[in-house]
Amino acid sequence: MPVTVAGSSIFRLLNDFQRGFPLVDRPFAALAAACGLREDEVLDALHAWRASGVISRVGAVFAPRRIGASALAALAAPAERLEEIAARVSAVAEVNHNYQREHAYNLWFVVTAASSGRLQDIVAGIERDTRCGVIVLPLEEEFHIDLGFDLTGGGAARGGSRDAVILAQPIATEACALPGLERELMRALQDGLPLESRPFDALGRRAGISEAMVIELLERWLAEGIVKRFGIVVRHHELGFHANAMCVWDVPDEGVSRVGRLLAAEQAVTLCYRRRRVLPGWPYNLFCMIHGRSREAVHAARADIAARLGLDRWAHDVLFSCRRFKQQGACYLTDASR
């Protein structure tokens, strides 16, 4: 079922339920009722979207560093070895995003792992096997992270007024430790919700707990901020947003939180956060992502934002994505992390 007409029932399903997914025993029936569809139509659409790559999964987006450890990382791959090195990076189960970008650091990837020790081991293994140094950029402050993607305009899908104050969220230095039973549920959920009538019952059978307990734990994870959102996770490229750029600035530390909040409030900004600098090669500490249907549209949006906020008084760069080697949900728990 192609997504072509804004306002249609099928479009509403894809656009409106990237967050606020119903945590009830038959959630797809609840989605069907909200969109004026039948349960089987909802399940058929989700199966088709997953098969075609329009969606990654239906499930949880875990908050960075609330569970285990995560970081953005990059390396400078020689052009003649880029595909070989990208394949080595993508082979790591805990690498969930891996992109070529236009920069001397041309391969960018996200690592999520059960512990900081496991993350360090992954990076060390990549450095050993590729003979390329890796810069690791942990998240230090989040301004807007993965609350969905508005398909009507290509901006971040956010609830409430665009004029609402965005509060910076400092990142905890220590991740919370989940009990064994909750870890089993997280492990079962990593690949997404089963696309069947009673998915939480199926998850419970995998994790060895009841359907009611699955729903209760998910509600608590959302309330405590362990899960950032629960819903349909879309892939922007397959939906026509073919251009994306990581825009970075070197903002003085004393002002980065204020500037980050202003930047995060911009409609065109889909992600915004502060990361650690790695000197001398990477001086930037403020990051945002802008997605658009064309490179020109992204350039125009970035130029407008930078002019109005006065961002380019500081050193800056724009890294367009060239190629996607891997994109999937975070995989914190693997056999190596047991």
C-alpha atoms as a PDB file:
ATOM      1  CA  MET A   1       0.000   0.000   0.000  1.00  0.00           C
ATOM      2  CA  PRO A   2       1.929   3.068  -1.135  1.00  0.00           C
ATOM      3  CA  VAL A   3       1.958   6.233   0.919  1.00  0.00           C
ATOM      4  CA  THR A   4       0.870   8.906  -1.514  1.00  0.00           C
ATOM      5  CA  VAL A   5      -2.023  10.971  -0.163  1.00  0.00           C
ATOM      6  CA  ALA A   6      -1.683  13.009   3.023  1.00  0.00           C
ATOM      7  CA  GLY A   7      -4.824  12.669   5.123  1.00  0.00           C
ATOM      8  CA  SER A   8      -5.657   9.150   3.952  1.00  0.00           C
ATOM      9  CA  SER A   9      -6.227   6.440   6.555  1.00  0.00           C
ATOM     10  CA  ILE A  10      -3.079   4.605   5.519  1.00  0.00           C
ATOM     11  CA  PHE A  11      -1.002   7.788   5.653  1.00  0.00           C
ATOM     12  CA  ARG A  12      -2.376   8.545   9.131  1.00  0.00           C
ATOM     13  CA  LEU A  13      -1.276   5.122  10.275  1.00  0.00           C
ATOM     14  CA  LEU A  14       2.295   5.721   9.120  1.00  0.00           C
ATOM     15  CA  ASN A  15       2.603   9.365  10.164  1.00  0.00           C
ATOM     16  CA  ASP A  16       0.608   9.571  13.391  1.00  0.00           C
ATOM     17  CA  PHE A  17       1.695   6.421  15.191  1.00  0.00           C
ATOM     18  CA  GLN A  18       5.447   6.869  15.204  1.00  0.00           C
ATOM     19  CA  ARG A  19       4.764   7.683  18.864  1.00  0.00           C
ATOM     20  CA  GLY A  20       1.821   7.047  21.152  1.00  0.00           C
ATOM     21  CA  PHE A  21       1.476   3.422  20.066  1.00  0.00           C
ATOM     22  CA  PRO A  22      -1.340   1.800  22.072  1.00  0.00           C
ATOM     23  CA  LEU A  23      -0.035  -0.497  24.789  1.00  0.00           C
ATOM     24  CA  VAL A  24      -3.064  -2.807  24.891  1.00  0.00           C
ATOM     25  CA  ASP A  25      -3.525  -6.501  24.229  1.00  0.00           C
ATOM     26  CA  ARG A  26      -4.611  -5.951  20.599  1.00  0.00           C
ATOM     27  CA  PRO A  27      -2.807  -2.750  19.573  1.00  0.00           C
ATOM     28  CA  PHE A  28      -3.261  -3.173  15.825  1.00  0.00           C
ATOM     29  CA  ALA A  29      -7.022  -3.395  16.284  1.00  0.00           C
ATOM     30  CA  ALA A  30      -6.804  -0.129  18.256  1.00  0.00           C
ATOM     31  CA  LEU A  31      -4.799   1.476  15.424  1.00  0.00           C
ATOM     32  CA  ALA A  32      -7.361   0.243  12.923  1.00  0.00           C
ATOM     33  CA  ALA A  33     -10.202   1.804  14.890  1.00  0.00           C
ATOM     34  CA  ALA A  34      -8.341   5.127  15.108  1.00  0.00           C
ATOM     35  CA  CYS A  35      -7.639   5.200  11.348  1.00  0.00           C
ATOM     36  CA  GLY A  36     -10.943   3.840  10.048  1.00  0.00           C
ATOM     37  CA  LEU A  37      -9.416   0.546   8.911  1.00  0.00           C
ATOM     38  CA  ARG A  38      -9.683  -3.141   9.746  1.00  0.00           C
ATOM     39  CA  GLU A  39      -7.064  -4.890  11.865  1.00  0.00           C
ATOM     40  CA  ASP A  40      -6.026  -7.097   8.933  1.00  0.00           C
ATOM     41  CA  GLU A  41      -5.543  -3.999   6.746  1.00  0.00           C
ATOM     42  CA  VAL A  42      -3.240  -2.452   9.345  1.00  0.00           C
ATOM     43  CA  LEU A  43      -1.184  -5.640   9.648  1.00  0.00           C
ATOM     44  CA  ASP A  44      -1.009  -6.064   5.862  1.00  0.00           C
ATOM     45  CA  ALA A  45       0.213  -2.468   5.457  1.00  0.00           C
ATOM     46  CA  LEU A  46       2.875  -2.864   8.145  1.00  0.00           C
ATOM     47  CA  HIS A  47       4.095  -6.165   6.676  1.00  0.00           C
ATOM     48  CA  ALA A  48       4.339  -4.557   3.228  1.00  0.00           C
ATOM     49  CA  TRP A  49       6.167  -1.483   4.533  1.00  0.00           C
ATOM     50  CA  ARG A  50       8.645  -3.596   6.445  1.00  0.00           C
ATOM     51  CA  ALA A  51       9.289  -5.833   3.416  1.00  0.00           C
ATOM     52  CA  SER A  52       9.864  -2.804   1.154  1.00  0.00           C
ATOM     53  CA  GLY A  53      12.054  -0.975   3.684  1.00  0.00           C
ATOM     54  CA  VAL A  54       9.633   1.905   4.276  1.00  0.00           C
ATOM     55  CA  ILE A  55       9.677   1.063   7.975  1.00  0.00           C
ATOM     56  CA  SER A  56      12.475  -0.438  10.011  1.00  0.00           C
ATOM     57  CA  ARG A  57      10.213  -1.955  12.629  1.00  0.00           C
ATOM     58  CA  VAL A  58       7.412  -1.256  15.059  1.00  0.00           C
ATOM     59  CA  GLY A  59       8.857  -0.965  18.521  1.00  0.00           C
ATOM     60  CA  ALA A  60      10.912   0.885  21.067  1.00  0.00           C
ATOM     61  CA  VAL A  61      13.515   3.609  20.582  1.00  0.00           C
ATOM     62  CA  PHE A  62      15.647   3.432  23.705  1.00  0.00           C
ATOM     63  CA  ALA A  63      17.075   6.635  25.149  1.00  0.00           C
ATOM     64  CA  PRO A  64      20.816   7.021  24.533  1.00  0.00           C
ATOM     65  CA  ARG A  65      22.969   5.897  27.450  1.00  0.00           C
ATOM     66  CA  ARG A  66      20.004   5.098  29.707  1.00  0.00           C
ATOM     67  CA  ILE A  67      20.712   1.438  28.983  1.00  0.00           C
ATOM     68  CA  GLY A  68      24.251   0.247  28.399  1.00  0.00           C
ATOM     69  CA  ALA A  69      26.514   2.560  26.404  1.00  0.00           C
ATOM     70  CA  SER A  70      26.286   4.266  23.023  1.00  0.00           C
ATOM     71  CA  ALA A  71      28.317   6.679  20.938  1.00  0.00           C
ATOM     72  CA  LEU A  72      28.640   8.173  17.490  1.00  0.00           C
ATOM     73  CA  ALA A  73      31.980   7.241  15.929  1.00  0.00           C
ATOM     74  CA  ALA A  74      33.847   8.017  12.738  1.00  0.00           C
ATOM     75  CA  LEU A  75      36.978   7.094  10.838  1.00  0.00           C
ATOM     76  CA  ALA A  76      38.830   8.214   7.723  1.00  0.00           C
ATOM     77  CA  ALA A  77      38.776   5.294   5.301  1.00  0.00           C
ATOM     78  CA  PRO A  78      41.038   5.351   2.242  1.00  0.00           C
ATOM     79  CA  ALA A  79      38.763   5.655  -0.813  1.00  0.00           C
ATOM     80  CA  GLU A  80      39.966   2.378  -2.318  1.00  0.00           C
ATOM     81  CA  ARG A  81      39.143   0.515   0.931  1.00  0.00           C
ATOM     82  CA  LEU A  82      35.888   2.240   1.865  1.00  0.00           C
ATOM     83  CA  GLU A  83      33.551  -0.621   1.014  1.00  0.00           C
ATOM     84  CA  GLU A  84      35.801  -3.211   2.677  1.00  0.00           C
ATOM     85  CA  ILE A  85      36.031  -1.132   5.859  1.00  0.00           C
ATOM     86  CA  ALA A  86      32.307  -0.320   5.825  1.00  0.00           C
ATOM     87  CA  ALA A  87      31.534  -4.052   5.585  1.00  0.00           C
ATOM     88  CA  ARG A  88      33.760  -4.752   8.610  1.00  0.00           C
ATOM     89  CA  VAL A  89      31.997  -2.038  10.629  1.00  0.00           C
ATOM     90  CA  SER A  90      28.514  -3.166   9.557  1.00  0.00           C
ATOM     91  CA  ALA A  91      29.309  -6.749  10.562  1.00  0.00           C
ATOM     92  CA  VAL A  92      29.244  -5.701  14.226  1.00  0.00           C
ATOM     93  CA  ALA A  93      25.794  -6.525  15.619  1.00  0.00           C
ATOM     94  CA  GLU A  94      25.893  -3.505  17.935  1.00  0.00           C
ATOM     95  CA  VAL A  95      26.451  -1.079  15.030  1.00  0.00           C
ATOM     96  CA  ASN A  96      22.982   0.102  14.037  1.00  0.00           C
ATOM     97  CA  HIS A  97      23.743   2.990  11.625  1.00  0.00           C
ATOM     98  CA  ASN A  98      26.670   3.162   9.227  1.00  0.00           C
ATOM     99  CA  TYR A  99      26.901   5.951   6.617  1.00  0.00           C
ATOM    100  CA  GLN A 100      29.422   7.441   4.232  1.00  0.00           C
ATOM    101  CA  ARG A 101      29.537  11.228   4.586  1.00  0.00           C
ATOM    102  CA  GLU A 102      31.317  13.992   2.688  1.00  0.00           C
ATOM    103  CA  HIS A 103      34.303  14.721   4.916  1.00  0.00           C
ATOM    104  CA  ALA A 104      37.841  13.551   5.622  1.00  0.00           C
ATOM    105  CA  TYR A 105      36.147  11.439   8.274  1.00  0.00           C
ATOM    106  CA  ASN A 106      34.061   9.676   5.660  1.00  0.00           C
ATOM    107  CA  LEU A 107      32.544   6.723   7.541  1.00  0.00           C
ATOM    108  CA  TRP A 108      30.174   7.483  10.418  1.00  0.00           C
ATOM    109  CA  PHE A 109      28.518   4.864  12.593  1.00  0.00           C
ATOM    110  CA  VAL A 110      26.559   4.494  15.820  1.00  0.00           C
ATOM    111  CA  VAL A 111      27.539   1.836  18.352  1.00  0.00           C
ATOM    112  CA  THR A 112      25.225   0.683  21.137  1.00  0.00           C
ATOM    113  CA  ALA A 113      26.485  -1.901  23.580  1.00  0.00           C
ATOM    114  CA  ALA A 114      25.629  -3.563  26.866  1.00  0.00           C
ATOM    115  CA  SER A 115      28.454  -1.744  28.674  1.00  0.00           C
ATOM    116  CA  SER A 116      31.141   0.866  28.144  1.00  0.00           C
ATOM    117  CA  GLY A 117      33.704  -1.932  28.256  1.00  0.00           C
ATOM    118  CA  ARG A 118      31.983  -3.771  25.408  1.00  0.00           C
ATOM    119  CA  LEU A 119      31.792  -0.510  23.400  1.00  0.00           C
ATOM    120  CA  GLN A 120      35.519   0.049  23.894  1.00  0.00           C
ATOM    121  CA  ASP A 121      36.215  -3.518  22.763  1.00  0.00           C
ATOM    122  CA  ILE A 122      34.152  -2.985  19.584  1.00  0.00           C
ATOM    123  CA  VAL A 123      36.038   0.210  18.728  1.00  0.00           C
ATOM    124  CA  ALA A 124      39.400  -1.422  19.439  1.00  0.00           C
ATOM    125  CA  GLY A 125      38.488  -4.354  17.187  1.00  0.00           C
ATOM    126  CA  ILE A 126      37.495  -2.044  14.332  1.00  0.00           C
ATOM    127  CA  GLU A 127      40.740  -0.083  14.697  1.00  0.00           C
ATOM    128  CA  ARG A 128      42.797  -3.278  14.738  1.00  0.00           C
ATOM    129  CA  ASP A 129      41.112  -4.844  11.704  1.00  0.00           C
ATOM    130  CA  THR A 130      40.844  -1.698   9.550  1.00  0.00           C
ATOM    131  CA  ARG A 131      44.108  -0.011  10.615  1.00  0.00           C
ATOM    132  CA  CYS A 132      42.120   3.237  10.881  1.00  0.00           C
ATOM    133  CA  GLY A 133      41.904   5.398  13.974  1.00  0.00           C
ATOM    134  CA  VAL A 134      38.346   5.888  15.272  1.00  0.00           C
ATOM    135  CA  ILE A 135      37.085   9.056  16.924  1.00  0.00           C
ATOM    136  CA  VAL A 136      34.382   8.367  19.519  1.00  0.00           C
ATOM    137  CA  LEU A 137      31.874  11.137  20.220  1.00  0.00           C
ATOM    138  CA  PRO A 138      29.675  10.346  23.234  1.00  0.00           C
ATOM    139  CA  LEU A 139      26.422  12.225  23.712  1.00  0.00           C
ATOM    140  CA  GLU A 140      26.736  14.932  26.363  1.00  0.00           C
ATOM    141  CA  GLU A 141      23.421  16.772  26.129  1.00  0.00           C
ATOM    142  CA  GLU A 142      20.283  16.070  24.120  1.00  0.00           C
ATOM    143  CA  PHE A 143      18.051  18.805  22.772  1.00  0.00           C
ATOM    144  CA  HIS A 144      15.875  16.779  20.398  1.00  0.00           C
ATOM    145  CA  ILE A 145      16.376  13.084  19.684  1.00  0.00           C
ATOM    146  CA  ASP A 146      14.227  10.621  17.762  1.00  0.00           C
ATOM    147  CA  LEU A 147      10.677  11.642  18.530  1.00  0.00           C
ATOM    148  CA  GLY A 148       9.517  10.716  15.039  1.00  0.00           C
ATOM    149  CA  PHE A 149       9.550  12.107  11.513  1.00  0.00           C
ATOM    150  CA  ASP A 150       6.770  14.323  10.160  1.00  0.00           C
ATOM    151  CA  LEU A 151       5.990  13.015   6.672  1.00  0.00           C
ATOM    152  CA  THR A 152       3.916  16.083   5.784  1.00  0.00           C
ATOM    153  CA  GLY A 153       6.874  18.434   5.903  1.00  0.00           C
ATOM    154  CA  GLY A 154       9.993  16.449   6.597  1.00  0.00           C
ATOM    155  CA  GLY A 155      10.580  17.940  10.004  1.00  0.00           C
ATOM    156  CA  ALA A 156      10.600  16.310  13.380  1.00  0.00           C
ATOM    157  CA  ALA A 157       7.243  14.921  14.427  1.00  0.00           C
ATOM    158  CA  ARG A 158       6.673  16.597  17.761  1.00  0.00           C
ATOM    159  CA  GLY A 159       3.650  17.021  19.903  1.00  0.00           C
ATOM    160  CA  GLY A 160       2.457  20.374  21.159  1.00  0.00           C
ATOM    161  CA  SER A 161       3.254  23.881  20.024  1.00  0.00           C
ATOM    162  CA  ARG A 162       6.360  24.688  18.037  1.00  0.00           C
ATOM    163  CA  ASP A 163       6.812  27.639  20.411  1.00  0.00           C
ATOM    164  CA  ALA A 164       7.058  25.372  23.440  1.00  0.00           C
ATOM    165  CA  VAL A 165      10.303  25.666  25.403  1.00  0.00           C
ATOM    166  CA  ILE A 166      12.692  22.808  24.676  1.00  0.00           C
ATOM    167  CA  LEU A 167      14.644  21.831  27.762  1.00  0.00           C
ATOM    168  CA  ALA A 168      18.139  20.452  27.429  1.00  0.00           C
ATOM    169  CA  GLN A 169      18.469  16.977  28.909  1.00  0.00           C
ATOM    170  CA  PRO A 170      21.835  16.263  30.515  1.00  0.00           C
ATOM    171  CA  ILE A 171      23.031  12.706  30.009  1.00  0.00           C
ATOM    172  CA  ALA A 172      23.450  10.444  33.004  1.00  0.00           C
ATOM    173  CA  THR A 173      27.052   9.401  33.583  1.00  0.00           C
ATOM    174  CA  GLU A 174      25.946   5.911  34.625  1.00  0.00           C
ATOM    175  CA  ALA A 175      23.397   3.822  32.734  1.00  0.00           C
ATOM    176  CA  CYS A 176      20.716   2.095  34.761  1.00  0.00           C
ATOM    177  CA  ALA A 177      21.063  -1.663  35.160  1.00  0.00           C
ATOM    178  CA  LEU A 178      18.002  -3.673  34.190  1.00  0.00           C
ATOM    179  CA  PRO A 179      17.104  -6.812  36.153  1.00  0.00           C
ATOM    180  CA  GLY A 180      17.525 -10.078  34.274  1.00  0.00           C
ATOM    181  CA  LEU A 181      13.832 -10.419  33.496  1.00  0.00           C
ATOM    182  CA  GLU A 182      13.704  -6.949  31.953  1.00  0.00           C
ATOM    183  CA  ARG A 183      16.851  -7.650  29.967  1.00  0.00           C
ATOM    184  CA  GLU A 184      15.133 -10.677  28.451  1.00  0.00           C
ATOM    185  CA  LEU A 185      12.212  -8.494  27.373  1.00  0.00           C
ATOM    186  CA  MET A 186      14.618  -5.950  25.891  1.00  0.00           C
ATOM    187  CA  ARG A 187      16.429  -8.730  24.030  1.00  0.00           C
ATOM    188  CA  ALA A 188      13.105 -10.008  22.646  1.00  0.00           C
ATOM    189  CA  LEU A 189      12.100  -6.480  21.583  1.00  0.00           C
ATOM    190  CA  GLN A 190      15.319  -5.493  19.772  1.00  0.00           C
ATOM    191  CA  ASP A 191      14.087  -6.709  16.377  1.00  0.00           C
ATOM    192  CA  GLY A 192      10.724  -5.025  16.804  1.00  0.00           C
ATOM    193  CA  LEU A 193       7.200  -5.971  17.733  1.00  0.00           C
ATOM    194  CA  PRO A 194       5.839  -9.149  16.107  1.00  0.00           C
ATOM    195  CA  LEU A 195       3.282  -8.122  13.483  1.00  0.00           C
ATOM    196  CA  GLU A 196       0.446 -10.286  14.719  1.00  0.00           C
ATOM    197  CA  SER A 197      -2.819  -9.718  16.527  1.00  0.00           C
ATOM    198  CA  ARG A 198      -1.461 -10.060  20.088  1.00  0.00           C
ATOM    199  CA  PRO A 199       2.178  -8.974  19.785  1.00  0.00           C
ATOM    200  CA  PHE A 200       2.780  -8.368  23.489  1.00  0.00           C
ATOM    201  CA  ASP A 201       1.700 -11.916  24.258  1.00  0.00           C
ATOM    202  CA  ALA A 202       4.229 -13.150  21.669  1.00  0.00           C
ATOM    203  CA  LEU A 203       6.952 -10.984  23.262  1.00  0.00           C
ATOM    204  CA  GLY A 204       6.045 -12.343  26.669  1.00  0.00           C
ATOM    205  CA  ARG A 205       6.424 -15.929  25.470  1.00  0.00           C
ATOM    206  CA  ARG A 206       9.901 -15.110  24.165  1.00  0.00           C
ATOM    207  CA  ALA A 207      10.919 -13.386  27.404  1.00  0.00           C
ATOM    208  CA  GLY A 208       9.220 -15.829  29.766  1.00  0.00           C
ATOM    209  CA  ILE A 209       6.724 -13.345  31.233  1.00  0.00           C
ATOM    210  CA  SER A 210       3.015 -12.643  30.890  1.00  0.00           C
ATOM    211  CA  GLU A 211       1.404 -10.312  28.353  1.00  0.00           C
ATOM    212  CA  ALA A 212       0.215  -8.063  31.183  1.00  0.00           C
ATOM    213  CA  MET A 213       3.743  -7.777  32.578  1.00  0.00           C
ATOM    214  CA  VAL A 214       5.147  -6.902  29.132  1.00  0.00           C
ATOM    215  CA  ILE A 215       2.688  -4.023  28.839  1.00  0.00           C
ATOM    216  CA  GLU A 216       3.360  -2.894  32.413  1.00  0.00           C
ATOM    217  CA  LEU A 217       7.126  -2.865  31.874  1.00  0.00           C
ATOM    218  CA  LEU A 218       6.835  -0.938  28.603  1.00  0.00           C
ATOM    219  CA  GLU A 219       4.604   1.650  30.270  1.00  0.00           C
ATOM    220  CA  ARG A 220       7.165   2.041  33.053  1.00  0.00           C
ATOM    221  CA  TRP A 221      10.099   2.313  30.634  1.00  0.00           C
ATOM    222  CA  LEU A 222       8.272   5.105  28.799  1.00  0.00           C
ATOM    223  CA  ALA A 223       7.376   6.891  32.047  1.00  0.00           C
ATOM    224  CA  GLU A 224      10.971   6.692  33.295  1.00  0.00           C
ATOM    225  CA  GLY A 225      12.444   7.805  29.970  1.00  0.00           C
ATOM    226  CA  ILE A 226      14.287   4.539  29.336  1.00  0.00           C
ATOM    227  CA  VAL A 227      12.267   4.257  26.125  1.00  0.00           C
ATOM    228  CA  LYS A 228      12.192   7.530  24.181  1.00  0.00           C
ATOM    229  CA  ARG A 229       9.194   6.569  22.087  1.00  0.00           C
ATOM    230  CA  PHE A 230       7.302   3.450  21.092  1.00  0.00           C
ATOM    231  CA  GLY A 231       5.761   3.185  17.646  1.00  0.00           C
ATOM    232  CA  ILE A 232       6.410   2.874  13.923  1.00  0.00           C
ATOM    233  CA  VAL A 233      10.042   3.577  12.990  1.00  0.00           C
ATOM    234  CA  VAL A 234      10.251   4.904   9.411  1.00  0.00           C
ATOM    235  CA  ARG A 235      13.160   5.090   6.987  1.00  0.00           C
ATOM    236  CA  HIS A 236      13.234   8.601   5.547  1.00  0.00           C
ATOM    237  CA  HIS A 237      15.070   7.738   2.304  1.00  0.00           C
ATOM    238  CA  GLU A 238      12.417   5.246   1.193  1.00  0.00           C
ATOM    239  CA  LEU A 239       9.754   7.887   1.833  1.00  0.00           C
ATOM    240  CA  GLY A 240      11.291  10.388  -0.567  1.00  0.00           C
ATOM    241  CA  PHE A 241      13.577  12.364   1.762  1.00  0.00           C
ATOM    242  CA  HIS A 242      16.717  11.545  -0.205  1.00  0.00           C
ATOM    243  CA  ALA A 243      19.040  14.210   1.206  1.00  0.00           C
ATOM    244  CA  ASN A 244      20.298  14.542   4.749  1.00  0.00           C
ATOM    245  CA  ALA A 245      23.105  16.517   6.272  1.00  0.00           C
ATOM    246  CA  MET A 246      24.804  16.453   9.639  1.00  0.00           C
ATOM    247  CA  CYS A 247      25.420  20.120  10.457  1.00  0.00           C
ATOM    248  CA  VAL A 248      28.025  20.892  13.106  1.00  0.00           C
ATOM    249  CA  TRP A 249      29.362  23.942  14.930  1.00  0.00           C
ATOM    250  CA  ASP A 250      32.088  24.678  17.482  1.00  0.00           C
ATOM    251  CA  VAL A 251      30.085  26.668  20.030  1.00  0.00           C
ATOM    252  CA  PRO A 252      31.729  27.964  23.219  1.00  0.00           C
ATOM    253  CA  ASP A 253      30.912  25.611  26.069  1.00  0.00           C
ATOM    254  CA  GLU A 254      29.256  28.289  28.161  1.00  0.00           C
ATOM    255  CA  GLY A 255      26.690  28.998  25.433  1.00  0.00           C
ATOM    256  CA  VAL A 256      26.087  25.637  23.771  1.00  0.00           C
ATOM    257  CA  SER A 257      23.053  24.671  25.865  1.00  0.00           C
ATOM    258  CA  ARG A 258      21.209  27.894  25.043  1.00  0.00           C
ATOM    259  CA  VAL A 259      22.062  27.679  21.351  1.00  0.00           C
ATOM    260  CA  GLY A 260      21.165  24.008  21.228  1.00  0.00           C
ATOM    261  CA  ARG A 261      17.677  24.695  22.573  1.00  0.00           C
ATOM    262  CA  LEU A 262      17.112  27.362  19.932  1.00  0.00           C
ATOM    263  CA  LEU A 263      18.358  25.078  17.169  1.00  0.00           C
ATOM    264  CA  ALA A 264      16.223  22.163  18.341  1.00  0.00           C
ATOM    265  CA  ALA A 265      13.074  24.295  18.090  1.00  0.00           C
ATOM    266  CA  GLU A 266      13.516  24.750  14.340  1.00  0.00           C
ATOM    267  CA  GLN A 267      10.953  22.859  12.240  1.00  0.00           C
ATOM    268  CA  ALA A 268      13.560  21.565   9.773  1.00  0.00           C
ATOM    269  CA  VAL A 269      15.760  20.040  12.483  1.00  0.00           C
ATOM    270  CA  THR A 270      15.136  16.337  13.006  1.00  0.00           C
ATOM    271  CA  LEU A 271      17.847  15.663  15.611  1.00  0.00           C
ATOM    272  CA  CYS A 272      19.879  18.012  17.793  1.00  0.00           C
ATOM    273  CA  TYR A 273      22.449  17.267  20.468  1.00  0.00           C
ATOM    274  CA  ARG A 274      25.797  18.155  22.015  1.00  0.00           C
ATOM    275  CA  ARG A 275      28.690  15.718  21.697  1.00  0.00           C
ATOM    276  CA  ARG A 276      32.223  15.653  22.996  1.00  0.00           C
ATOM    277  CA  ARG A 277      34.943  17.226  20.858  1.00  0.00           C
ATOM    278  CA  VAL A 278      37.938  15.115  19.838  1.00  0.00           C
ATOM    279  CA  LEU A 279      40.836  17.488  19.276  1.00  0.00           C
ATOM    280  CA  PRO A 280      42.630  18.329  17.119  1.00  0.00           C
ATOM    281  CA  GLY A 281      40.777  16.611  14.297  1.00  0.00           C
ATOM    282  CA  TRP A 282      37.176  17.182  15.384  1.00  0.00           C
ATOM    283  CA  PRO A 283      36.540  20.565  17.081  1.00  0.00           C
ATOM    284  CA  TYR A 284      32.718  20.548  16.851  1.00  0.00           C
ATOM    285  CA  ASN A 285      30.375  20.073  19.802  1.00  0.00           C
ATOM    286  CA  LEU A 286      26.890  21.041  18.510  1.00  0.00           C
ATOM    287  CA  PHE A 287      25.204  18.723  15.997  1.00  0.00           C
ATOM    288  CA  CYS A 288      21.912  18.720  14.174  1.00  0.00           C
ATOM    289  CA  MET A 289      20.399  16.673  11.358  1.00  0.00           C
ATOM    290  CA  ILE A 290      18.347  18.187   8.541  1.00  0.00           C
ATOM    291  CA  HIS A 291      16.474  15.946   6.091  1.00  0.00           C
ATOM    292  CA  GLY A 292      14.917  17.037   2.822  1.00  0.00           C
ATOM    293  CA  ARG A 293      13.692  15.839  -0.541  1.00  0.00           C
ATOM    294  CA  SER A 294      16.739  17.375  -2.260  1.00  0.00           C
ATOM    295  CA  ARG A 295      20.229  18.588  -1.454  1.00  0.00           C
ATOM    296  CA  GLU A 296      19.169  22.116  -2.417  1.00  0.00           C
ATOM    297  CA  ALA A 297      16.276  22.025   0.049  1.00  0.00           C
ATOM    298  CA  VAL A 298      18.588  20.950   2.871  1.00  0.00           C
ATOM    299  CA  HIS A 299      21.149  23.650   2.006  1.00  0.00           C
ATOM    300  CA  ALA A 300      18.406  26.299   1.955  1.00  0.00           C
ATOM    301  CA  ALA A 301      16.965  25.193   5.309  1.00  0.00           C
ATOM    302  CA  ARG A 302      20.386  25.156   6.929  1.00  0.00           C
ATOM    303  CA  ALA A 303      21.315  28.583   5.539  1.00  0.00           C
ATOM    304  CA  ASP A 304      18.069  30.101   6.780  1.00  0.00           C
ATOM    305  CA  ILE A 305      18.481  28.680  10.283  1.00  0.00           C
ATOM    306  CA  ALA A 306      22.144  29.660  10.533  1.00  0.00           C
ATOM    307  CA  ALA A 307      21.403  33.223   9.406  1.00  0.00           C
ATOM    308  CA  ARG A 308      18.524  33.767  11.825  1.00  0.00           C
ATOM    309  CA  LEU A 309      20.337  32.254  14.806  1.00  0.00           C
ATOM    310  CA  GLY A 310      23.757  33.678  13.952  1.00  0.00           C
ATOM    311  CA  LEU A 311      25.320  30.213  14.063  1.00  0.00           C
ATOM    312  CA  ASP A 312      28.027  30.653  11.471  1.00  0.00           C
ATOM    313  CA  ARG A 313      29.975  33.116  13.591  1.00  0.00           C
ATOM    314  CA  TRP A 314      31.513  29.891  14.936  1.00  0.00           C
ATOM    315  CA  ALA A 315      33.538  27.317  13.013  1.00  0.00           C
ATOM    316  CA  HIS A 316      31.162  24.964  11.232  1.00  0.00           C
ATOM    317  CA  ASP A 317      30.815  22.227   8.633  1.00  0.00           C
ATOM    318  CA  VAL A 318      28.104  20.376   6.693  1.00  0.00           C
ATOM    319  CA  LEU A 319      28.440  16.635   6.115  1.00  0.00           C
ATOM    320  CA  PHE A 320      25.995  15.274   3.550  1.00  0.00           C
ATOM    321  CA  SER A 321      25.281  11.578   3.576  1.00  0.00           C
ATOM    322  CA  CYS A 322      26.474   9.813   0.408  1.00  0.00           C
ATOM    323  CA  ARG A 323      25.681   6.170   1.019  1.00  0.00           C
ATOM    324  CA  ARG A 324      23.869   4.096   3.632  1.00  0.00           C
ATOM    325  CA  PHE A 325      25.614   0.871   4.518  1.00  0.00           C
ATOM    326  CA  LYS A 326      23.443  -0.110   7.478  1.00  0.00           C
ATOM    327  CA  GLN A 327      20.332   1.154   9.268  1.00  0.00           C
ATOM    328  CA  GLN A 328      18.511  -0.836  11.921  1.00  0.00           C
ATOM    329  CA  GLY A 329      17.293  -0.595  15.491  1.00  0.00           C
ATOM    330  CA  ALA A 330      19.770  -0.490  18.353  1.00  0.00           C
ATOM    331  CA  CYS A 331      21.082  -3.879  19.435  1.00  0.00           C
ATOM    332  CA  TYR A 332      22.407  -3.586  22.982  1.00  0.00           C
ATOM    333  CA  LEU A 333      22.265  -7.276  23.927  1.00  0.00           C
ATOM    334  CA  THR A 334      24.085  -9.906  21.878  1.00  0.00           C
ATOM    335  CA  ASP A 335      25.726 -13.245  22.580  1.00  0.00           C
ATOM    336  CA  ALA A 336      28.995 -11.348  23.114  1.00  0.00           C
ATOM    337  CA  SER A 337      27.365  -9.307  25.915  1.00  0.00           C
ATOM    338  CA  ARG A 338      25.974 -12.227  27.893  1.00  0.00           C
END
